[in-house]
Amino acid sequence: MAEKELFTVSLNKAMNLCSQREYCCEDIRSKLASWGIEYEDSEKIIEILIKENFINETRYASAFVRDKFKYNKWGKVKIGAHLKVKNIPGEVIRLALDDIDNELYTKFIRELINGHRRTIKAKNQYDLKAKLLRYGLSKGFESSLLYEILNDMEE
């Protein structure tokens, strides 16, 4: 296949992918690399996709935050870390995470912790709190919020 033809086919394929769901630059870059597209060409394709609004990192980050919070039940720490791995700018990550309502977020953590509390066998209150804290941290919730919620449970 001629190089220009490969470029056009890859661009159309990437446009098709981006029209079906949100992708970030890093996702498309790795897809293009797996298709055998050279770095310079992949950067040109990404530039075109951004210009044509097929890729929008802000839109991607907002969708990622919303989905991971709602469906995967992840906390802000874990979501932010995954976005950082995808080379999303820090300011975009912060703005996307700020879209989560703090009252809803705290209520959600309480419900998640209380639901998990029923499934845990613990020797004493200290052991129970430690297990719940580890669970909350593994889901990506902030330790300060978890301490506050676990201390409220005790009373």
Protein backbone atom coordinates (compact mmCIF):
# COMPACT_ATOMS: atom_id res chain seq x y z
CA MET A 1 0.00 0.00 0.00
CA ALA A 2 1.34 3.43 -0.87
CA GLU A 3 2.35 5.65 2.02
CA LYS A 4 -0.19 8.39 1.15
CA GLU A 5 -2.94 5.79 0.83
CA LEU A 6 -1.98 4.24 4.19
CA PHE A 7 -2.15 7.70 5.77
CA THR A 8 -5.63 8.34 4.34
CA VAL A 9 -6.95 4.91 5.32
CA SER A 10 -5.57 5.31 8.85
CA LEU A 11 -7.03 8.80 9.17
CA ASN A 12 -10.47 7.56 8.08
CA LYS A 13 -10.24 4.57 10.41
CA ALA A 14 -9.27 6.86 13.33
CA MET A 15 -12.14 9.25 12.49
CA ASN A 16 -14.52 6.32 12.49
CA LEU A 17 -13.26 5.17 15.90
CA CYS A 18 -13.51 8.67 17.39
CA SER A 19 -17.05 9.11 16.09
CA GLN A 20 -18.19 6.04 18.03
CA ARG A 21 -16.83 6.94 21.48
CA GLU A 22 -14.44 9.33 23.22
CA TYR A 23 -10.71 8.79 22.80
CA CYS A 24 -7.75 10.81 24.04
CA CYS A 25 -4.61 11.55 22.03
CA GLU A 26 -2.66 8.81 23.82
CA ASP A 27 -5.28 6.15 22.96
CA ILE A 28 -5.25 7.09 19.28
CA ARG A 29 -1.44 7.34 19.25
CA SER A 30 -1.14 3.75 20.50
CA LYS A 31 -3.78 2.53 18.02
CA LEU A 32 -1.93 4.18 15.15
CA ALA A 33 1.34 2.64 16.30
CA SER A 34 -0.31 -0.80 16.40
CA TRP A 35 -1.42 -0.24 12.79
CA GLY A 36 2.19 0.41 11.80
CA ILE A 37 1.88 4.18 11.31
CA GLU A 38 5.11 6.11 11.83
CA TYR A 39 5.35 8.71 14.59
CA GLU A 40 5.37 11.76 12.29
CA ASP A 41 2.29 10.57 10.41
CA SER A 42 0.47 9.67 13.61
CA GLU A 43 1.10 13.16 14.97
CA LYS A 44 -0.32 14.65 11.75
CA ILE A 45 -3.40 12.42 12.04
CA ILE A 46 -3.90 13.42 15.69
CA GLU A 47 -3.52 17.08 14.75
CA ILE A 48 -6.26 16.69 12.11
CA LEU A 49 -8.51 14.82 14.55
CA ILE A 50 -8.13 17.61 17.13
CA LYS A 51 -8.74 20.33 14.53
CA GLU A 52 -11.89 18.54 13.29
CA ASN A 53 -13.02 18.04 16.94
CA PHE A 54 -12.93 14.25 16.79
CA ILE A 55 -10.57 14.37 19.77
CA ASN A 56 -11.16 16.77 22.63
CA GLU A 57 -9.17 16.06 25.80
CA THR A 58 -11.55 18.10 28.00
CA ARG A 59 -14.57 16.23 26.70
CA TYR A 60 -12.71 12.92 27.09
CA ALA A 61 -11.69 13.68 30.68
CA SER A 62 -15.25 14.65 31.65
CA ALA A 63 -16.67 11.45 30.15
CA PHE A 64 -13.91 9.34 31.75
CA VAL A 65 -14.54 10.86 35.20
CA ARG A 66 -18.31 10.46 34.92
CA ASP A 67 -18.10 6.83 33.76
CA LYS A 68 -15.44 5.64 36.20
CA PHE A 69 -17.21 7.26 39.13
CA LYS A 70 -20.69 6.04 38.20
CA TYR A 71 -20.00 2.55 36.86
CA ASN A 72 -16.66 1.47 38.33
CA LYS A 73 -17.24 3.25 41.66
CA TRP A 74 -13.75 4.78 41.62
CA GLY A 75 -12.64 7.71 43.73
CA LYS A 76 -11.02 10.93 42.55
CA VAL A 77 -7.48 9.75 43.34
CA LYS A 78 -7.70 6.64 41.17
CA ILE A 79 -9.50 8.47 38.34
CA GLY A 80 -6.92 11.26 38.37
CA ALA A 81 -4.04 8.77 38.30
CA HIS A 82 -5.48 6.95 35.28
CA LEU A 83 -5.99 10.23 33.43
CA LYS A 84 -2.43 11.27 34.24
CA VAL A 85 -1.14 8.02 32.71
CA LYS A 86 -2.99 8.97 29.52
CA ASN A 87 -1.07 12.29 29.46
CA ILE A 88 -4.13 14.45 30.06
CA PRO A 89 -3.02 17.92 31.30
CA GLY A 90 -3.32 18.46 35.07
CA GLU A 91 -5.64 21.45 34.70
CA VAL A 92 -8.04 19.44 32.53
CA ILE A 93 -8.02 16.61 35.09
CA ARG A 94 -8.74 19.03 37.93
CA LEU A 95 -11.65 20.63 36.08
CA ALA A 96 -13.13 17.24 35.18
CA LEU A 97 -12.85 16.02 38.80
CA ASP A 98 -14.46 19.25 40.03
CA ASP A 99 -17.59 18.28 38.07
CA ILE A 100 -18.31 15.63 40.72
CA ASP A 101 -20.66 17.09 43.33
CA ASN A 102 -18.89 16.92 46.73
CA GLU A 103 -22.08 16.17 48.67
CA LEU A 104 -22.98 13.33 46.31
CA TYR A 105 -19.37 12.09 46.42
CA THR A 106 -19.32 11.91 50.23
CA LYS A 107 -22.75 10.24 50.33
CA PHE A 108 -21.56 7.75 47.72
CA ILE A 109 -18.46 6.86 49.78
CA ARG A 110 -20.60 6.35 52.90
CA GLU A 111 -22.95 4.00 51.05
CA LEU A 112 -20.06 2.07 49.50
CA ILE A 113 -18.28 1.68 52.85
CA ASN A 114 -21.49 0.68 54.65
CA GLY A 115 -22.29 -1.86 51.93
CA HIS A 116 -18.82 -3.36 52.17
CA ARG A 117 -18.99 -3.31 55.99
CA ARG A 118 -21.74 -5.95 55.93
CA THR A 119 -19.48 -8.41 54.08
CA ILE A 120 -16.44 -8.08 56.35
CA LYS A 121 -15.57 -10.31 59.27
CA ALA A 122 -13.43 -8.48 61.79
CA LYS A 123 -12.10 -9.40 65.22
CA ASN A 124 -12.65 -5.93 66.65
CA GLN A 125 -13.51 -2.33 65.76
CA TYR A 126 -9.87 -1.49 64.96
CA ASP A 127 -9.59 -4.42 62.52
CA LEU A 128 -12.89 -3.44 60.88
CA LYS A 129 -11.79 0.16 60.38
CA ALA A 130 -8.45 -0.96 58.93
CA LYS A 131 -10.15 -3.26 56.42
CA LEU A 132 -12.67 -0.58 55.41
CA LEU A 133 -9.89 1.99 55.07
CA ARG A 134 -7.86 -0.32 52.81
CA TYR A 135 -10.97 -1.01 50.72
CA GLY A 136 -11.70 2.71 50.32
CA LEU A 137 -8.10 3.48 49.43
CA SER A 138 -8.05 0.68 46.84
CA LYS A 139 -11.10 2.25 45.21
CA GLY A 140 -9.22 5.55 44.98
CA PHE A 141 -10.94 7.63 47.64
CA GLU A 142 -9.11 10.28 49.63
CA SER A 143 -7.77 9.11 52.99
CA SER A 144 -8.97 12.26 54.78
CA LEU A 145 -12.57 11.62 53.68
CA LEU A 146 -12.32 7.95 54.59
CA TYR A 147 -10.99 8.78 58.09
CA GLU A 148 -13.82 11.24 58.58
CA ILE A 149 -16.48 8.73 57.47
CA LEU A 150 -14.98 5.86 59.50
CA ASN A 151 -14.80 8.05 62.62
CA ASP A 152 -18.44 9.08 62.15
CA MET A 153 -19.41 5.39 61.91
CA GLU A 154 -17.86 4.68 65.27
CA GLU A 155 -20.02 7.19 67.12
